[in-house]
Structures are given as C-alpha cells and as structure tokens.
Amino acid sequence: MKQILPSVSFDDLSKLDLRIGTIIRAEYFAEAKKPAIKLWIDFGSLGIKKSSAQITHRYSPEMLVNRHVVAVINFPPKQIANFISECFVLGAINQQNEVVLLHPEFTAVNGGEVK
C-alpha cells in the first residue's frame, strides 16, 4: 500500500489550474511507448488543448468524445513521441489498476474552474 505523500500548503495547491473540458476528438496513439489515446479537449474561452492519456484498458476513443473531464491546464507542454501534450487529465485508479477519468457530476461550463 502506498504511503501518504508529505503535506503541501494551500499556496502549493492553488498553483494548479484545474479546469473542466469536453473531449471533442480522440484517437489511438500508436507512436506512444505505452498504450495511450490522444485527446483534444475544449476548454471554452481558454481554447482547445491536447493531452495523451494512458487509459486504453478502460476506454476507447469512441467512448470519450463529448465526455467531460477534469484537467490541470498549467503544466508545461510535454512532447510524447510526435505529439505535444498540453494538459494533464485527472483520473483515479480502480481495483483492477485501471485509470477511471474524473468528471463533474452535473454539466459544467467548458473552462470552468475546479474549486
């Protein structure tokens, strides 16, 4: 079992820009070292950002389009193979060790802040 990580301050947490977005496009990422899906996520007035997510055990690209997700949008861009990932989509690990995407319970505005 993993241990709890060291405490962080509220100031540390407030540095993360967590937003709601809608996946508008998804496709398998054949060039990635580990199985992944490329995502294009609409964050409203903040624009469309791309992400690479290792979620192929639980999701197919067809299942993801129009799905709301929670993402960190202020990490620096990261190149993964021939793709630039611009945000980090959040998920939780289930009992089968699969990533399950986090999403709002009710409809939220694209680009809306997570508080």
C-alpha atoms as a PDB file:
ATOM      1  CA  MET A   1       0.000   0.000   0.000  1.00  0.00           C
ATOM      2  CA  LYS A   2       1.282   3.471  -0.874  1.00  0.00           C
ATOM      3  CA  GLN A   3       2.073   5.917   1.873  1.00  0.00           C
ATOM      4  CA  ILE A   4       0.527   9.366   2.090  1.00  0.00           C
ATOM      5  CA  LEU A   5       2.797  11.956   0.480  1.00  0.00           C
ATOM      6  CA  PRO A   6       4.238  14.851   2.506  1.00  0.00           C
ATOM      7  CA  SER A   7       1.872  17.729   3.309  1.00  0.00           C
ATOM      8  CA  VAL A   8       1.585  20.655   0.922  1.00  0.00           C
ATOM      9  CA  SER A   9       0.376  24.151   1.673  1.00  0.00           C
ATOM     10  CA  PHE A  10      -2.785  25.726   0.327  1.00  0.00           C
ATOM     11  CA  ASP A  11      -0.486  28.026  -1.677  1.00  0.00           C
ATOM     12  CA  ASP A  12       1.016  24.937  -3.365  1.00  0.00           C
ATOM     13  CA  LEU A  13      -2.426  23.609  -4.255  1.00  0.00           C
ATOM     14  CA  SER A  14      -3.599  26.979  -5.552  1.00  0.00           C
ATOM     15  CA  LYS A  15      -0.803  26.925  -8.159  1.00  0.00           C
ATOM     16  CA  LEU A  16      -2.652  24.165 -10.053  1.00  0.00           C
ATOM     17  CA  ASP A  17      -5.132  25.454 -12.610  1.00  0.00           C
ATOM     18  CA  LEU A  18      -7.808  22.742 -12.628  1.00  0.00           C
ATOM     19  CA  ARG A  19     -10.493  23.145 -15.290  1.00  0.00           C
ATOM     20  CA  ILE A  20     -13.445  21.334 -16.823  1.00  0.00           C
ATOM     21  CA  GLY A  21     -13.281  20.486 -20.520  1.00  0.00           C
ATOM     22  CA  THR A  22     -15.115  18.418 -23.096  1.00  0.00           C
ATOM     23  CA  ILE A  23     -13.261  15.878 -25.237  1.00  0.00           C
ATOM     24  CA  ILE A  24     -14.035  16.775 -28.850  1.00  0.00           C
ATOM     25  CA  ARG A  25     -11.681  14.337 -30.581  1.00  0.00           C
ATOM     26  CA  ALA A  26      -9.886  11.147 -29.549  1.00  0.00           C
ATOM     27  CA  GLU A  27      -7.695   8.644 -31.378  1.00  0.00           C
ATOM     28  CA  TYR A  28      -5.342   5.815 -30.517  1.00  0.00           C
ATOM     29  CA  PHE A  29      -1.721   6.947 -30.087  1.00  0.00           C
ATOM     30  CA  ALA A  30       0.194   4.271 -31.992  1.00  0.00           C
ATOM     31  CA  GLU A  31       3.579   6.002 -31.615  1.00  0.00           C
ATOM     32  CA  ALA A  32       3.496   6.119 -27.795  1.00  0.00           C
ATOM     33  CA  LYS A  33       5.750   3.676 -25.889  1.00  0.00           C
ATOM     34  CA  LYS A  34       2.855   2.686 -23.597  1.00  0.00           C
ATOM     35  CA  PRO A  35      -0.703   2.278 -24.934  1.00  0.00           C
ATOM     36  CA  ALA A  36      -2.398   5.682 -24.927  1.00  0.00           C
ATOM     37  CA  ILE A  37      -5.106   7.794 -26.509  1.00  0.00           C
ATOM     38  CA  LYS A  38      -4.620  11.292 -27.936  1.00  0.00           C
ATOM     39  CA  LEU A  39      -7.274  13.725 -26.719  1.00  0.00           C
ATOM     40  CA  TRP A  40      -8.349  17.137 -27.961  1.00  0.00           C
ATOM     41  CA  ILE A  41     -10.208  18.920 -25.164  1.00  0.00           C
ATOM     42  CA  ASP A  42     -12.353  22.057 -25.464  1.00  0.00           C
ATOM     43  CA  PHE A  43     -11.800  24.422 -22.532  1.00  0.00           C
ATOM     44  CA  GLY A  44     -14.168  27.111 -23.817  1.00  0.00           C
ATOM     45  CA  SER A  45     -12.618  30.574 -23.934  1.00  0.00           C
ATOM     46  CA  LEU A  46      -9.244  29.030 -22.954  1.00  0.00           C
ATOM     47  CA  GLY A  47      -9.147  27.130 -26.250  1.00  0.00           C
ATOM     48  CA  ILE A  48      -8.559  23.537 -27.264  1.00  0.00           C
ATOM     49  CA  LYS A  49      -5.686  21.690 -25.595  1.00  0.00           C
ATOM     50  CA  LYS A  50      -4.205  18.287 -26.407  1.00  0.00           C
ATOM     51  CA  SER A  51      -3.385  15.509 -23.986  1.00  0.00           C
ATOM     52  CA  SER A  52      -2.014  11.984 -24.125  1.00  0.00           C
ATOM     53  CA  ALA A  53      -3.707   9.630 -21.674  1.00  0.00           C
ATOM     54  CA  GLN A  54      -2.824   6.033 -20.778  1.00  0.00           C
ATOM     55  CA  ILE A  55      -6.459   4.977 -20.456  1.00  0.00           C
ATOM     56  CA  THR A  56      -6.771   2.257 -23.110  1.00  0.00           C
ATOM     57  CA  HIS A  57      -7.640  -0.509 -20.615  1.00  0.00           C
ATOM     58  CA  ARG A  58     -10.925   1.197 -19.739  1.00  0.00           C
ATOM     59  CA  TYR A  59     -11.758   3.474 -22.698  1.00  0.00           C
ATOM     60  CA  SER A  60     -11.825   3.522 -26.492  1.00  0.00           C
ATOM     61  CA  PRO A  61     -11.625   6.766 -28.477  1.00  0.00           C
ATOM     62  CA  GLU A  62     -15.303   6.411 -29.458  1.00  0.00           C
ATOM     63  CA  MET A  63     -16.341   6.307 -25.779  1.00  0.00           C
ATOM     64  CA  LEU A  64     -14.511   9.536 -24.990  1.00  0.00           C
ATOM     65  CA  VAL A  65     -15.923  12.074 -27.461  1.00  0.00           C
ATOM     66  CA  ASN A  66     -18.318  14.510 -25.724  1.00  0.00           C
ATOM     67  CA  ARG A  67     -17.198  13.327 -22.261  1.00  0.00           C
ATOM     68  CA  HIS A  68     -16.477  15.989 -19.626  1.00  0.00           C
ATOM     69  CA  VAL A  69     -13.120  15.689 -17.847  1.00  0.00           C
ATOM     70  CA  VAL A  70     -11.077  17.456 -15.179  1.00  0.00           C
ATOM     71  CA  ALA A  71      -7.577  18.525 -16.194  1.00  0.00           C
ATOM     72  CA  VAL A  72      -4.579  20.527 -14.999  1.00  0.00           C
ATOM     73  CA  ILE A  73      -4.019  23.094 -17.747  1.00  0.00           C
ATOM     74  CA  ASN A  74      -0.954  24.962 -16.488  1.00  0.00           C
ATOM     75  CA  PHE A  75       1.707  22.255 -16.656  1.00  0.00           C
ATOM     76  CA  PRO A  76       4.402  22.966 -19.254  1.00  0.00           C
ATOM     77  CA  PRO A  77       3.839  21.224 -22.612  1.00  0.00           C
ATOM     78  CA  LYS A  78       5.439  17.785 -22.847  1.00  0.00           C
ATOM     79  CA  GLN A  79       6.492  16.026 -26.040  1.00  0.00           C
ATOM     80  CA  ILE A  80       5.452  12.390 -26.174  1.00  0.00           C
ATOM     81  CA  ALA A  81       6.728  10.773 -29.388  1.00  0.00           C
ATOM     82  CA  ASN A  82       5.451  13.081 -32.174  1.00  0.00           C
ATOM     83  CA  PHE A  83       2.700  14.688 -30.054  1.00  0.00           C
ATOM     84  CA  ILE A  84       2.738  17.685 -27.686  1.00  0.00           C
ATOM     85  CA  SER A  85       0.633  17.115 -24.569  1.00  0.00           C
ATOM     86  CA  GLU A  86      -0.606  20.478 -23.245  1.00  0.00           C
ATOM     87  CA  CYS A  87      -2.646  19.438 -20.220  1.00  0.00           C
ATOM     88  CA  PHE A  88      -2.953  16.568 -17.741  1.00  0.00           C
ATOM     89  CA  VAL A  89      -6.294  14.772 -17.494  1.00  0.00           C
ATOM     90  CA  LEU A  90      -7.077  13.512 -13.986  1.00  0.00           C
ATOM     91  CA  GLY A  91      -8.203  10.022 -13.090  1.00  0.00           C
ATOM     92  CA  ALA A  92      -8.335   7.582 -10.210  1.00  0.00           C
ATOM     93  CA  ILE A  93      -7.075   4.005 -10.063  1.00  0.00           C
ATOM     94  CA  ASN A  94      -9.803   1.378  -9.651  1.00  0.00           C
ATOM     95  CA  GLN A  95      -9.485  -2.124  -8.120  1.00  0.00           C
ATOM     96  CA  GLN A  96      -8.312  -3.537 -11.472  1.00  0.00           C
ATOM     97  CA  ASN A  97      -5.463  -0.966 -11.543  1.00  0.00           C
ATOM     98  CA  GLU A  98      -7.132   0.906 -14.429  1.00  0.00           C
ATOM     99  CA  VAL A  99      -7.423   4.682 -14.718  1.00  0.00           C
ATOM    100  CA  VAL A 100     -11.007   5.923 -14.346  1.00  0.00           C
ATOM    101  CA  LEU A 101     -11.437   9.516 -15.530  1.00  0.00           C
ATOM    102  CA  LEU A 102     -12.664  12.164 -13.095  1.00  0.00           C
ATOM    103  CA  HIS A 103     -15.628  14.222 -14.283  1.00  0.00           C
ATOM    104  CA  PRO A 104     -18.236  16.605 -12.851  1.00  0.00           C
ATOM    105  CA  GLU A 105     -21.444  15.018 -11.594  1.00  0.00           C
ATOM    106  CA  PHE A 106     -23.534  17.644 -13.394  1.00  0.00           C
ATOM    107  CA  THR A 107     -22.926  19.570 -16.609  1.00  0.00           C
ATOM    108  CA  ALA A 108     -20.330  22.306 -16.152  1.00  0.00           C
ATOM    109  CA  VAL A 109     -19.075  25.085 -18.403  1.00  0.00           C
ATOM    110  CA  ASN A 110     -16.014  24.294 -20.531  1.00  0.00           C
ATOM    111  CA  GLY A 111     -13.094  26.113 -18.972  1.00  0.00           C
ATOM    112  CA  GLY A 112     -14.862  26.307 -15.609  1.00  0.00           C
ATOM    113  CA  GLU A 113     -12.554  26.329 -12.610  1.00  0.00           C
ATOM    114  CA  VAL A 114     -12.434  23.375 -10.259  1.00  0.00           C
ATOM    115  CA  LYS A 115     -12.574  24.621  -6.666  1.00  0.00           C
END
